[in-house]
Amino acid sequence: MAEAADIHPNMRAEQAFQTIAGRCVERFRRHLAELRQSWDAEALHQARVGLRQLLAAFSLFRPMIGDDAFPALRDRSKAVVGFLGEARDLDIILEAARQPDLPAVRSAVSRLRPHRYADLMRRLEEAGNPDLAEDLQEWIEHGAWRTCHQDLRHERLRRFAVRRLDRKLRKFRKRSRHLDSLAPRPRHKVRIAAKQLRYGFEFLAPLAKGPKARARWKQLVEPLKEMQDALGKLNDMRSETRIAPRIARESRSAAFAAGRFMGAEHARAAALLRQAAKAARRLRRRQLFWR
């Protein structure tokens, strides 16, 4: 993610995008190299965060960066996020099962993990994926998008960002209005939108000039983070439900322990949904830091 010192309101929008996106790609590249060497859970998480932040930057700067190469690069990035997420699901369960009475679940997941990671490594080496970071960096620096949309590219960041943040926050407030009554799939889309909006606010934090604007920035980011955390835990439960049958096949004790674990996790679902809906209501009342 770009440091505050790298972004300022009067820079060109294209310069801001290149700085932000370049940092996201570097984060992905650095942690992916570590992941290939160590199969480390934190390296996997950080590589995935780098690509998710990049997708948020794509969404924020979308009107300016559309060229013929963009859709394929975005789709390749989304696919790798998906591969990484499938492996991360097991790590999330492994962490959640660190309770003293769940050794059978931990043991079962620990046996499944090397197979899932080996599959991840194989998919990362398939056509196009090994070169994704290099292809992204080349496009950010020299892509055809830098020869079109000149009026947007040369616009000052503050002016460009005001329009984009106004639109994205308005759409998000509408989408999250009845959050507690949404089905799981639309609710999952709200979670992704909350994450992208939060990343966008963090990218553009330097637009919050002065104590009042910085306080407004914080008041917008906090409910988004709360929504993201609560909805993320609900999404983890969906992943656990998908993986539970594989855990149960490992042994009778694993099947019994997985059932207890799932029951305890899902008992929290209603409270998490209320928490997310409450945060969404708070977000609708917050003032904007960029105006």
Protein backbone atom coordinates (compact mmCIF):
# COMPACT_ATOMS: atom_id res chain seq x y z
CA MET A 1 0.00 0.00 0.00
CA ALA A 2 1.28 3.44 -0.80
CA GLU A 3 2.75 5.41 2.07
CA ALA A 4 1.10 8.74 2.88
CA ALA A 5 4.24 10.60 1.81
CA ASP A 6 3.95 9.14 -1.71
CA ILE A 7 0.44 10.44 -2.34
CA HIS A 8 -0.66 14.06 -2.32
CA PRO A 9 -3.88 15.73 -3.49
CA ASN A 10 -2.30 17.79 -6.28
CA MET A 11 -0.45 14.99 -8.05
CA ARG A 12 -1.84 13.65 -11.29
CA ALA A 13 -4.32 10.83 -10.98
CA GLU A 14 -2.17 8.56 -13.16
CA GLN A 15 0.83 9.08 -10.88
CA ALA A 16 -1.28 8.17 -7.86
CA PHE A 17 -2.49 4.98 -9.55
CA GLN A 18 1.02 3.95 -10.56
CA THR A 19 2.33 4.50 -7.02
CA ILE A 20 -0.53 2.66 -5.32
CA ALA A 21 -0.74 -0.22 -7.80
CA GLY A 22 3.04 -0.62 -7.93
CA ARG A 23 3.20 -1.05 -4.15
CA CYS A 24 0.40 -3.63 -4.26
CA VAL A 25 2.21 -5.65 -6.91
CA GLU A 26 5.48 -5.47 -4.97
CA ARG A 27 3.73 -6.76 -1.85
CA PHE A 28 2.28 -9.65 -3.84
CA ARG A 29 5.62 -10.43 -5.51
CA ARG A 30 7.63 -10.36 -2.28
CA HIS A 31 5.31 -12.58 -0.28
CA LEU A 32 4.64 -14.96 -3.17
CA ALA A 33 8.38 -15.66 -3.37
CA GLU A 34 8.38 -16.39 0.36
CA LEU A 35 5.30 -18.61 0.01
CA ARG A 36 6.95 -20.70 -2.71
CA GLN A 37 9.93 -21.31 -0.44
CA SER A 38 8.20 -21.97 2.87
CA TRP A 39 4.46 -22.67 2.38
CA ASP A 40 4.02 -20.21 5.24
CA ALA A 41 0.46 -19.22 6.18
CA GLU A 42 1.32 -15.57 6.80
CA ALA A 43 3.16 -15.30 3.47
CA LEU A 44 0.07 -16.68 1.72
CA HIS A 45 -2.17 -14.19 3.54
CA GLN A 46 0.05 -11.22 2.70
CA ALA A 47 0.38 -12.21 -0.98
CA ARG A 48 -3.41 -12.42 -1.17
CA VAL A 49 -3.80 -9.03 0.53
CA GLY A 50 -1.45 -7.50 -2.04
CA LEU A 51 -3.61 -8.72 -4.92
CA ARG A 52 -6.85 -7.75 -3.16
CA GLN A 53 -5.50 -4.25 -2.65
CA LEU A 54 -4.56 -4.16 -6.33
CA LEU A 55 -8.10 -5.13 -7.31
CA ALA A 56 -9.38 -2.32 -5.08
CA ALA A 57 -7.06 0.11 -6.89
CA PHE A 58 -8.37 -1.21 -10.23
CA SER A 59 -11.93 -0.51 -9.08
CA LEU A 60 -11.12 2.97 -7.78
CA PHE A 61 -9.24 4.11 -10.90
CA ARG A 62 -11.29 2.06 -13.41
CA PRO A 63 -12.46 4.94 -15.67
CA MET A 64 -8.84 5.92 -16.30
CA ILE A 65 -7.11 2.57 -16.83
CA GLY A 66 -9.39 0.71 -19.22
CA ASP A 67 -7.46 -0.63 -22.22
CA ASP A 68 -7.45 -3.88 -24.17
CA ALA A 69 -5.07 -5.60 -21.73
CA PHE A 70 -6.88 -4.61 -18.56
CA PRO A 71 -9.71 -7.22 -18.46
CA ALA A 72 -7.32 -10.17 -18.84
CA LEU A 73 -4.93 -8.86 -16.16
CA ARG A 74 -7.81 -8.25 -13.78
CA ASP A 75 -9.22 -11.74 -14.41
CA ARG A 76 -5.81 -13.38 -13.89
CA SER A 77 -5.43 -11.49 -10.62
CA LYS A 78 -8.88 -12.57 -9.45
CA ALA A 79 -8.10 -16.20 -10.33
CA VAL A 80 -4.91 -16.19 -8.25
CA VAL A 81 -6.77 -14.57 -5.35
CA GLY A 82 -9.17 -17.52 -5.60
CA PHE A 83 -6.36 -20.11 -5.58
CA LEU A 84 -4.77 -18.47 -2.55
CA GLY A 85 -8.13 -18.27 -0.79
CA GLU A 86 -8.78 -22.00 -1.14
CA ALA A 87 -5.53 -22.78 0.65
CA ARG A 88 -6.11 -20.07 3.25
CA ASP A 89 -9.45 -21.63 4.23
CA LEU A 90 -7.59 -24.52 5.87
CA ASP A 91 -5.26 -22.16 7.72
CA ILE A 92 -8.26 -20.26 9.10
CA ILE A 93 -9.79 -23.49 10.42
CA LEU A 94 -6.45 -24.57 11.85
CA GLU A 95 -6.15 -21.30 13.75
CA ALA A 96 -9.78 -21.39 14.95
CA ALA A 97 -9.34 -24.98 16.17
CA ARG A 98 -6.52 -24.19 18.58
CA GLN A 99 -8.82 -24.91 21.50
CA PRO A 100 -7.61 -27.60 23.94
CA ASP A 101 -10.56 -29.88 23.20
CA LEU A 102 -10.17 -29.94 19.40
CA PRO A 103 -6.98 -31.95 18.74
CA ALA A 104 -8.77 -34.23 16.25
CA VAL A 105 -9.77 -31.26 14.07
CA ARG A 106 -6.27 -29.82 14.21
CA SER A 107 -4.77 -33.18 13.31
CA ALA A 108 -7.16 -33.71 10.38
CA VAL A 109 -6.57 -30.22 8.96
CA SER A 110 -2.81 -30.59 9.39
CA ARG A 111 -2.94 -33.76 7.24
CA LEU A 112 -5.05 -32.04 4.56
CA ARG A 113 -2.96 -28.87 4.40
CA PRO A 114 0.10 -30.21 2.49
CA HIS A 115 -2.15 -31.57 -0.26
CA ARG A 116 -3.99 -28.26 -0.58
CA TYR A 117 -0.74 -26.29 -0.66
CA ALA A 118 0.79 -28.64 -3.23
CA ASP A 119 -2.26 -28.10 -5.43
CA LEU A 120 -1.88 -24.34 -4.95
CA MET A 121 1.76 -24.45 -6.04
CA ARG A 122 0.82 -26.45 -9.12
CA ARG A 123 -1.87 -23.96 -10.09
CA LEU A 124 0.47 -21.03 -9.52
CA GLU A 125 2.88 -22.57 -12.04
CA GLU A 126 0.21 -23.02 -14.73
CA ALA A 127 0.25 -20.94 -17.91
CA GLY A 128 0.48 -17.21 -17.22
CA ASN A 129 0.55 -17.34 -13.43
CA PRO A 130 4.34 -17.42 -12.84
CA ASP A 131 4.67 -14.13 -14.75
CA LEU A 132 1.66 -12.34 -13.27
CA ALA A 133 3.60 -9.88 -11.09
CA GLU A 134 5.96 -8.98 -13.95
CA ASP A 135 3.09 -8.59 -16.42
CA LEU A 136 1.19 -6.37 -13.97
CA GLN A 137 4.21 -4.18 -13.30
CA GLU A 138 4.97 -3.81 -17.00
CA TRP A 139 1.37 -2.80 -17.70
CA ILE A 140 1.26 -0.32 -14.80
CA GLU A 141 4.40 1.40 -16.08
CA HIS A 142 4.02 1.12 -19.86
CA GLY A 143 0.50 -0.14 -20.68
CA ALA A 144 -1.67 1.29 -23.44
CA TRP A 145 -3.88 2.93 -20.79
CA ARG A 146 -1.14 5.60 -20.52
CA THR A 147 -1.96 6.81 -24.03
CA CYS A 148 -5.73 7.18 -23.60
CA HIS A 149 -8.15 8.92 -21.22
CA GLN A 150 -5.74 11.86 -21.06
CA ASP A 151 -8.27 14.17 -19.44
CA LEU A 152 -8.66 11.74 -16.52
CA ARG A 153 -5.01 10.74 -16.28
CA HIS A 154 -3.84 14.34 -16.05
CA GLU A 155 -6.54 15.40 -13.64
CA ARG A 156 -5.46 16.33 -10.12
CA LEU A 157 -5.94 13.46 -7.72
CA ARG A 158 -8.28 15.34 -5.37
CA ARG A 159 -10.72 16.21 -8.16
CA PHE A 160 -10.65 12.68 -9.60
CA ALA A 161 -11.00 11.09 -6.16
CA VAL A 162 -13.94 13.24 -5.06
CA ARG A 163 -16.07 11.95 -7.95
CA ARG A 164 -15.00 8.34 -7.50
CA LEU A 165 -15.39 8.23 -3.72
CA ASP A 166 -18.77 9.97 -3.88
CA ARG A 167 -20.03 7.36 -6.34
CA LYS A 168 -18.55 4.34 -4.58
CA LEU A 169 -19.77 5.32 -1.12
CA ARG A 170 -23.25 6.11 -2.45
CA LYS A 171 -23.49 2.70 -4.11
CA PHE A 172 -22.15 0.94 -1.04
CA ARG A 173 -24.59 2.62 1.32
CA LYS A 174 -27.46 1.54 -0.92
CA ARG A 175 -26.16 -2.04 -1.26
CA SER A 176 -25.68 -2.49 2.51
CA ARG A 177 -28.98 -0.91 3.58
CA HIS A 178 -30.76 -4.23 4.32
CA LEU A 179 -27.65 -6.21 5.16
CA ASP A 180 -29.23 -8.36 7.88
CA SER A 181 -31.85 -9.72 5.45
CA LEU A 182 -29.51 -10.54 2.55
CA ALA A 183 -28.84 -14.09 1.37
CA PRO A 184 -25.26 -15.37 1.81
CA ARG A 185 -24.13 -14.67 -1.76
CA PRO A 186 -25.23 -10.98 -1.89
CA ARG A 187 -23.90 -10.57 1.65
CA HIS A 188 -20.54 -11.90 0.49
CA LYS A 189 -20.52 -9.26 -2.28
CA VAL A 190 -21.15 -6.57 0.34
CA ARG A 191 -18.13 -7.85 2.27
CA ILE A 192 -15.91 -7.59 -0.81
CA ALA A 193 -17.26 -4.10 -1.53
CA ALA A 194 -16.60 -3.06 2.09
CA LYS A 195 -13.02 -4.29 1.81
CA GLN A 196 -12.44 -2.46 -1.47
CA LEU A 197 -13.97 0.75 -0.15
CA ARG A 198 -11.82 0.58 2.98
CA TYR A 199 -8.69 0.05 0.90
CA GLY A 200 -9.72 3.02 -1.25
CA PHE A 201 -10.05 5.21 1.83
CA GLU A 202 -6.64 4.04 3.04
CA PHE A 203 -5.03 4.73 -0.35
CA LEU A 204 -6.42 8.27 -0.30
CA ALA A 205 -5.94 9.07 3.40
CA PRO A 206 -3.65 12.04 2.47
CA LEU A 207 -6.75 13.82 1.12
CA ALA A 208 -7.86 14.19 4.75
CA LYS A 209 -6.14 17.48 5.56
CA GLY A 210 -6.46 18.87 9.05
CA PRO A 211 -7.74 17.42 12.35
CA LYS A 212 -11.44 17.53 11.39
CA ALA A 213 -10.92 15.73 8.07
CA ARG A 214 -8.67 13.12 9.70
CA ALA A 215 -11.30 12.47 12.36
CA ARG A 216 -13.92 12.00 9.62
CA TRP A 217 -11.59 9.61 7.79
CA LYS A 218 -11.25 7.50 10.94
CA GLN A 219 -15.03 7.56 11.53
CA LEU A 220 -15.58 6.18 8.02
CA VAL A 221 -12.87 3.51 8.18
CA GLU A 222 -13.83 2.10 11.58
CA PRO A 223 -17.37 0.89 10.71
CA LEU A 224 -16.09 -0.49 7.41
CA LYS A 225 -13.45 -2.50 9.26
CA GLU A 226 -16.07 -3.72 11.74
CA MET A 227 -18.37 -4.80 8.89
CA GLN A 228 -15.49 -6.48 7.10
CA ASP A 229 -14.45 -8.41 10.22
CA ALA A 230 -17.98 -9.58 11.08
CA LEU A 231 -18.87 -10.54 7.50
CA GLY A 232 -15.45 -12.17 7.10
CA LYS A 233 -16.16 -14.45 10.05
CA LEU A 234 -19.51 -15.37 8.50
CA ASN A 235 -17.75 -16.15 5.24
CA ASP A 236 -15.22 -18.29 7.12
CA MET A 237 -18.16 -20.31 8.46
CA ARG A 238 -19.32 -20.97 4.91
CA SER A 239 -15.81 -22.19 4.06
CA GLU A 240 -15.79 -24.39 7.15
CA THR A 241 -19.11 -25.92 6.07
CA ARG A 242 -17.59 -26.82 2.67
CA ILE A 243 -14.46 -28.34 4.19
CA ALA A 244 -16.11 -30.14 7.15
CA PRO A 245 -17.00 -33.32 5.17
CA ARG A 246 -13.33 -33.78 4.22
CA ILE A 247 -12.28 -33.34 7.84
CA ALA A 248 -14.94 -35.82 8.97
CA ARG A 249 -13.59 -38.48 6.59
CA GLU A 250 -10.20 -38.41 8.31
CA SER A 251 -11.42 -40.31 11.41
CA ARG A 252 -14.44 -40.87 13.66
CA SER A 253 -12.94 -38.61 16.33
CA ALA A 254 -12.37 -35.90 13.72
CA ALA A 255 -15.97 -36.20 12.55
CA PHE A 256 -17.29 -35.81 16.09
CA ALA A 257 -14.98 -32.91 16.91
CA ALA A 258 -15.74 -31.17 13.61
CA GLY A 259 -19.46 -31.34 14.42
CA ARG A 260 -18.91 -29.74 17.82
CA PHE A 261 -16.61 -27.12 16.32
CA MET A 262 -19.09 -26.21 13.57
CA GLY A 263 -21.95 -25.99 16.04
CA ALA A 264 -20.05 -23.59 18.27
CA GLU A 265 -19.00 -21.46 15.32
CA HIS A 266 -22.46 -21.18 13.79
CA ALA A 267 -24.02 -20.25 17.14
CA ARG A 268 -22.29 -16.89 16.69
CA ALA A 269 -23.75 -16.18 13.24
CA ALA A 270 -26.78 -14.13 14.29
CA ALA A 271 -24.68 -11.91 16.57
CA LEU A 272 -22.12 -11.33 13.82
CA LEU A 273 -24.82 -10.36 11.35
CA ARG A 274 -26.32 -7.88 13.83
CA GLN A 275 -22.86 -6.43 14.39
CA ALA A 276 -22.32 -5.94 10.66
CA ALA A 277 -25.77 -4.36 10.15
CA LYS A 278 -25.19 -1.97 13.05
CA ALA A 279 -21.85 -0.88 11.55
CA ALA A 280 -23.55 -0.31 8.18
CA ARG A 281 -26.09 2.00 9.85
CA ARG A 282 -23.28 3.96 11.51
CA LEU A 283 -21.51 4.32 8.17
CA ARG A 284 -24.60 5.93 6.61
CA ARG A 285 -24.45 8.73 9.21
CA ARG A 286 -20.75 9.56 8.77
CA GLN A 287 -19.51 12.76 7.14
CA LEU A 288 -17.08 12.68 4.21
CA PHE A 289 -13.39 13.35 4.75
CA TRP A 290 -12.72 14.41 1.15
CA ARG A 291 -15.09 17.38 1.09
